[in-house]
Amino acid sequence: SLSSFASGTMKLNFAYPATGCQKSIDIDDEKKLRIFYDKRMSNLVEIDELGPEFKGYVVKISGGNDKQGFPMVQGVLTNGRVRLLLSKGMPSFRERRSGERKRKSVRGCIVGADLSVLNLVVVKKGDNDIDGLTNTSVPRHLGPKRASGIRKLFNLSKDDDVRKYVIRREIPGKGAKKGTTKAPKIQRLVTPERLQRKRHMRSLKKRSALKQKVAREEYQKLLASKRKEARASAVAAARAQ
């Protein structure tokens, strides 16, 4: 809320990728927040000073917003706001028309007291569990789609059939209708058809290259015969004179 921003409170958003959980903590003690000041985005910070429950934890600064809501942008080495000319592919900008550019205000990547929200990712778990962050886990809504991702998840070898390990998602039926299951189409799956198609494309490429080589040789022969005829006619004309 705006009242909490005005009072100097900073909200810390913690994310723990191992469990998929997130947790927000409001801190208004300036001494505790000093460990983050003058640190940049993607820097690692030990957060023992936030409290005994955070002992041994190490977090990475992934971003944040200032009190007016402007987002931090990696690479802008200042602890204030600047106006940058943004184009396609840059953070905090979405192109509406092809080739569009826009000058927008963004917050620098150095942490300061003017931030209202700081996003942190836990890279090292400490001695104690944090309730709602490290002691619970959120199941993944969707399984991996790429063949290499499925192999990595189930620790499969290249000889195993990936199609047997696809994670199917259950869709409940509406009313009296029976529920169904849904599975993603596996990407980058190497099948006999794919290998055959690859061989066919390679043979077409070789055939095309060979055809071009023969045509080039024939053309060079034609050019040589034309030059020979031109030289002979020039010599005959010179003798006639």
Protein backbone atom coordinates (compact mmCIF):
# COMPACT_ATOMS: atom_id res chain seq x y z
CA SER A 1 0.00 0.00 0.00
CA LEU A 2 1.04 3.67 -0.46
CA SER A 3 1.10 4.27 3.31
CA SER A 4 3.65 1.46 3.80
CA PHE A 5 5.81 2.86 0.97
CA ALA A 6 5.75 6.32 2.54
CA SER A 7 6.83 4.95 5.93
CA GLY A 8 10.08 3.52 4.52
CA THR A 9 9.02 -0.13 4.54
CA MET A 10 10.65 -2.40 1.96
CA LYS A 11 8.94 -5.56 0.80
CA LEU A 12 11.29 -8.51 0.21
CA ASN A 13 9.97 -11.11 -2.23
CA PHE A 14 11.76 -14.44 -1.71
CA ALA A 15 11.66 -17.20 -4.33
CA TYR A 16 13.01 -20.71 -3.78
CA PRO A 17 13.31 -22.57 -7.12
CA ALA A 18 13.84 -25.96 -5.44
CA THR A 19 10.27 -25.99 -4.09
CA GLY A 20 8.65 -23.47 -6.45
CA CYS A 21 7.42 -21.43 -3.46
CA GLN A 22 7.46 -17.66 -2.95
CA LYS A 23 7.10 -15.56 0.18
CA SER A 24 6.90 -11.81 0.89
CA ILE A 25 8.21 -10.15 4.05
CA ASP A 26 7.79 -6.47 4.98
CA ILE A 27 10.81 -4.98 6.77
CA ASP A 28 10.86 -1.43 8.14
CA ASP A 29 14.13 -1.63 10.11
CA GLU A 30 16.72 0.45 8.24
CA LYS A 31 19.63 -1.39 9.91
CA LYS A 32 18.47 -4.76 8.58
CA LEU A 33 18.09 -3.37 5.03
CA ARG A 34 21.61 -1.90 4.92
CA ILE A 35 23.06 -5.29 3.87
CA PHE A 36 21.39 -4.76 0.46
CA TYR A 37 22.38 -1.11 -0.10
CA ASP A 38 24.92 -0.40 -2.88
CA LYS A 39 24.61 -4.00 -4.12
CA ARG A 40 23.79 -4.61 -7.78
CA MET A 41 21.33 -6.93 -9.44
CA SER A 42 22.62 -10.54 -9.62
CA ASN A 43 24.93 -9.95 -6.61
CA LEU A 44 24.91 -12.60 -3.85
CA VAL A 45 24.06 -11.41 -0.32
CA GLU A 46 24.23 -13.22 3.04
CA ILE A 47 21.05 -12.35 4.96
CA ASP A 48 21.96 -13.47 8.50
CA GLU A 49 21.18 -9.95 9.80
CA LEU A 50 17.50 -10.15 8.83
CA GLY A 51 16.84 -12.51 11.74
CA PRO A 52 17.81 -15.84 13.33
CA GLU A 53 15.54 -17.78 10.95
CA PHE A 54 17.63 -16.54 7.99
CA LYS A 55 20.97 -17.72 9.39
CA GLY A 56 23.14 -19.31 6.68
CA TYR A 57 20.89 -18.22 3.80
CA VAL A 58 22.41 -16.66 0.67
CA VAL A 59 20.20 -14.86 -1.84
CA LYS A 60 20.67 -13.35 -5.29
CA ILE A 61 19.15 -9.95 -6.10
CA SER A 62 16.98 -10.46 -9.19
CA GLY A 63 15.23 -7.08 -9.43
CA GLY A 64 12.85 -4.68 -7.76
CA ASN A 65 10.73 -1.55 -8.02
CA ASP A 66 11.08 1.92 -6.56
CA LYS A 67 8.32 3.70 -4.62
CA GLN A 68 6.74 5.04 -7.82
CA GLY A 69 6.70 1.56 -9.42
CA PHE A 70 9.55 1.93 -11.93
CA PRO A 71 11.40 -1.40 -12.43
CA MET A 72 15.12 -1.99 -11.94
CA VAL A 73 16.99 -2.72 -15.18
CA GLN A 74 20.22 -4.72 -15.35
CA GLY A 75 23.18 -2.78 -16.77
CA VAL A 76 22.00 0.71 -15.76
CA LEU A 77 24.74 1.50 -13.23
CA THR A 78 23.02 4.07 -11.03
CA ASN A 79 20.87 4.06 -7.90
CA GLY A 80 18.30 6.48 -9.33
CA ARG A 81 15.95 6.80 -12.27
CA VAL A 82 17.05 7.56 -15.84
CA ARG A 83 15.14 7.98 -19.10
CA LEU A 84 16.33 5.57 -21.78
CA LEU A 85 15.37 5.18 -25.43
CA LEU A 86 14.07 1.61 -25.49
CA SER A 87 13.57 -0.59 -28.55
CA LYS A 88 12.52 -4.17 -29.30
CA GLY A 89 14.19 -6.80 -27.08
CA MET A 90 15.00 -4.43 -24.21
CA PRO A 91 13.51 -5.04 -20.74
CA SER A 92 10.36 -3.19 -19.59
CA PHE A 93 9.36 -2.39 -23.19
CA ARG A 94 6.90 -4.10 -25.55
CA GLU A 95 6.93 -3.11 -29.18
CA ARG A 96 3.44 -2.11 -30.41
CA ARG A 97 4.47 -1.38 -34.00
CA SER A 98 7.37 -2.67 -36.08
CA GLY A 99 10.51 -0.60 -35.45
CA GLU A 100 8.91 1.42 -32.65
CA ARG A 101 11.16 3.05 -30.04
CA LYS A 102 10.13 4.87 -26.89
CA ARG A 103 11.83 6.89 -24.17
CA LYS A 104 10.86 5.53 -20.78
CA SER A 105 11.95 5.98 -17.18
CA VAL A 106 13.68 2.99 -15.59
CA ARG A 107 15.36 2.47 -12.22
CA GLY A 108 19.10 1.67 -12.10
CA CYS A 109 20.38 -1.73 -10.98
CA ILE A 110 22.04 -0.52 -7.72
CA VAL A 111 19.93 -1.05 -4.57
CA GLY A 112 19.07 2.03 -2.53
CA ALA A 113 16.67 3.24 0.15
CA ASP A 114 14.15 4.47 -2.45
CA LEU A 115 13.06 0.92 -3.34
CA SER A 116 9.69 -0.37 -2.18
CA VAL A 117 10.06 -3.95 -3.46
CA LEU A 118 13.19 -6.11 -3.76
CA ASN A 119 13.07 -9.51 -5.48
CA LEU A 120 15.43 -12.17 -4.10
CA VAL A 121 16.17 -15.75 -5.17
CA VAL A 122 17.45 -18.21 -2.54
CA VAL A 123 20.64 -19.82 -3.88
CA LYS A 124 21.78 -21.42 -0.60
CA LYS A 125 19.50 -22.79 2.11
CA GLY A 126 20.42 -22.04 5.70
CA ASP A 127 20.19 -24.01 8.94
CA ASN A 128 16.46 -23.52 9.56
CA ASP A 129 13.38 -23.92 7.38
CA ILE A 130 11.37 -20.81 6.51
CA ASP A 131 7.66 -21.47 6.86
CA GLY A 132 5.89 -21.33 3.50
CA LEU A 133 9.12 -21.14 1.51
CA THR A 134 11.41 -24.11 2.11
CA ASN A 135 9.19 -26.55 4.02
CA THR A 136 6.42 -26.82 1.38
CA SER A 137 6.53 -27.53 -2.33
CA VAL A 138 4.28 -26.49 -5.19
CA PRO A 139 3.82 -29.26 -7.80
CA ARG A 140 4.63 -28.32 -11.38
CA HIS A 141 1.50 -27.60 -13.40
CA LEU A 142 3.11 -28.82 -16.63
CA GLY A 143 5.82 -31.38 -17.29
CA PRO A 144 8.76 -30.87 -19.65
CA LYS A 145 7.99 -30.75 -23.36
CA ARG A 146 11.43 -31.07 -24.95
CA ALA A 147 12.90 -34.59 -25.32
CA SER A 148 16.16 -33.64 -23.57
CA GLY A 149 14.16 -32.14 -20.68
CA ILE A 150 12.20 -35.37 -20.19
CA ARG A 151 15.46 -37.39 -20.26
CA LYS A 152 16.98 -35.06 -17.66
CA LEU A 153 13.92 -35.27 -15.36
CA PHE A 154 13.74 -39.09 -15.37
CA ASN A 155 17.51 -39.67 -15.78
CA LEU A 156 17.01 -41.63 -19.02
CA SER A 157 19.60 -42.84 -21.49
CA LYS A 158 19.47 -42.27 -25.24
CA ASP A 159 18.17 -45.84 -25.77
CA ASP A 160 15.05 -45.28 -23.61
CA ASP A 161 11.79 -44.37 -25.33
CA VAL A 162 10.96 -40.82 -24.22
CA ARG A 163 7.30 -41.14 -25.31
CA LYS A 164 6.57 -43.52 -22.42
CA TYR A 165 7.61 -40.91 -19.83
CA VAL A 166 5.52 -37.92 -20.96
CA ILE A 167 3.67 -36.34 -18.04
CA ARG A 168 -0.06 -36.28 -18.82
CA ARG A 169 -2.32 -33.61 -17.34
CA GLU A 170 -5.80 -34.58 -16.16
CA ILE A 171 -8.68 -32.36 -17.26
CA PRO A 172 -11.87 -32.88 -15.19
CA GLY A 173 -15.09 -33.32 -17.12
CA LYS A 174 -17.94 -30.82 -16.99
CA GLY A 175 -21.12 -32.17 -15.47
CA ALA A 176 -21.77 -35.73 -16.58
CA LYS A 177 -18.91 -35.69 -19.09
CA LYS A 178 -15.95 -37.92 -18.39
CA GLY A 179 -12.55 -36.28 -17.73
CA THR A 180 -9.70 -36.53 -20.21
CA THR A 181 -5.94 -36.34 -20.14
CA LYS A 182 -3.69 -34.07 -22.15
CA ALA A 183 -0.03 -34.54 -23.08
CA PRO A 184 2.36 -32.15 -24.84
CA LYS A 185 3.78 -32.88 -28.27
CA ILE A 186 7.42 -33.83 -27.67
CA GLN A 187 9.81 -31.38 -29.30
CA ARG A 188 13.19 -32.37 -30.84
CA LEU A 189 12.23 -36.04 -30.80
CA VAL A 190 14.52 -38.12 -33.02
CA THR A 191 12.41 -40.75 -34.82
CA PRO A 192 13.18 -43.08 -37.78
CA GLU A 193 10.99 -40.83 -39.96
CA ARG A 194 13.00 -37.78 -38.90
CA LEU A 195 16.30 -39.55 -39.71
CA GLN A 196 14.96 -40.69 -43.09
CA ARG A 197 13.82 -37.14 -43.89
CA LYS A 198 17.23 -35.84 -42.90
CA ARG A 199 18.96 -38.37 -45.18
CA HIS A 200 16.61 -37.46 -48.02
CA MET A 201 17.30 -33.73 -47.60
CA ARG A 202 21.03 -34.40 -47.51
CA SER A 203 20.84 -36.47 -50.72
CA LEU A 204 18.82 -33.72 -52.41
CA LYS A 205 21.47 -31.21 -51.39
CA LYS A 206 24.26 -33.41 -52.80
CA ARG A 207 22.31 -34.00 -56.02
CA SER A 208 21.74 -30.27 -56.45
CA ALA A 209 25.44 -29.51 -55.84
CA LEU A 210 26.49 -32.19 -58.37
CA LYS A 211 24.01 -30.83 -60.94
CA GLN A 212 25.39 -27.30 -60.49
CA LYS A 213 28.96 -28.58 -60.85
CA VAL A 214 28.15 -30.39 -64.14
CA ALA A 215 26.29 -27.35 -65.48
CA ARG A 216 29.22 -25.09 -64.53
CA GLU A 217 31.72 -27.39 -66.31
CA GLU A 218 29.55 -27.50 -69.44
CA TYR A 219 29.24 -23.73 -69.40
CA GLN A 220 33.02 -23.33 -69.07
CA LYS A 221 33.50 -25.69 -72.06
CA LEU A 222 31.01 -23.65 -74.10
CA LEU A 223 32.82 -20.41 -73.18
CA ALA A 224 36.18 -21.95 -74.16
CA SER A 225 34.84 -23.09 -77.57
CA LYS A 226 33.31 -19.64 -78.19
CA ARG A 227 36.63 -17.95 -77.36
CA LYS A 228 38.49 -20.41 -79.66
CA GLU A 229 36.08 -19.66 -82.53
CA ALA A 230 36.41 -15.91 -81.93
CA ARG A 231 40.20 -16.15 -81.98
CA ALA A 232 40.16 -18.26 -85.20
CA SER A 233 37.84 -15.80 -86.96
CA ALA A 234 40.05 -12.86 -85.83
CA VAL A 235 43.17 -14.59 -87.20
CA ALA A 236 41.42 -15.39 -90.52
CA ALA A 237 40.29 -11.77 -90.86
CA ALA A 238 43.85 -10.52 -90.18
CA ARG A 239 45.29 -12.85 -92.87
CA ALA A 240 42.69 -11.76 -95.42
CA GLN A 241 43.88 -8.17 -95.03
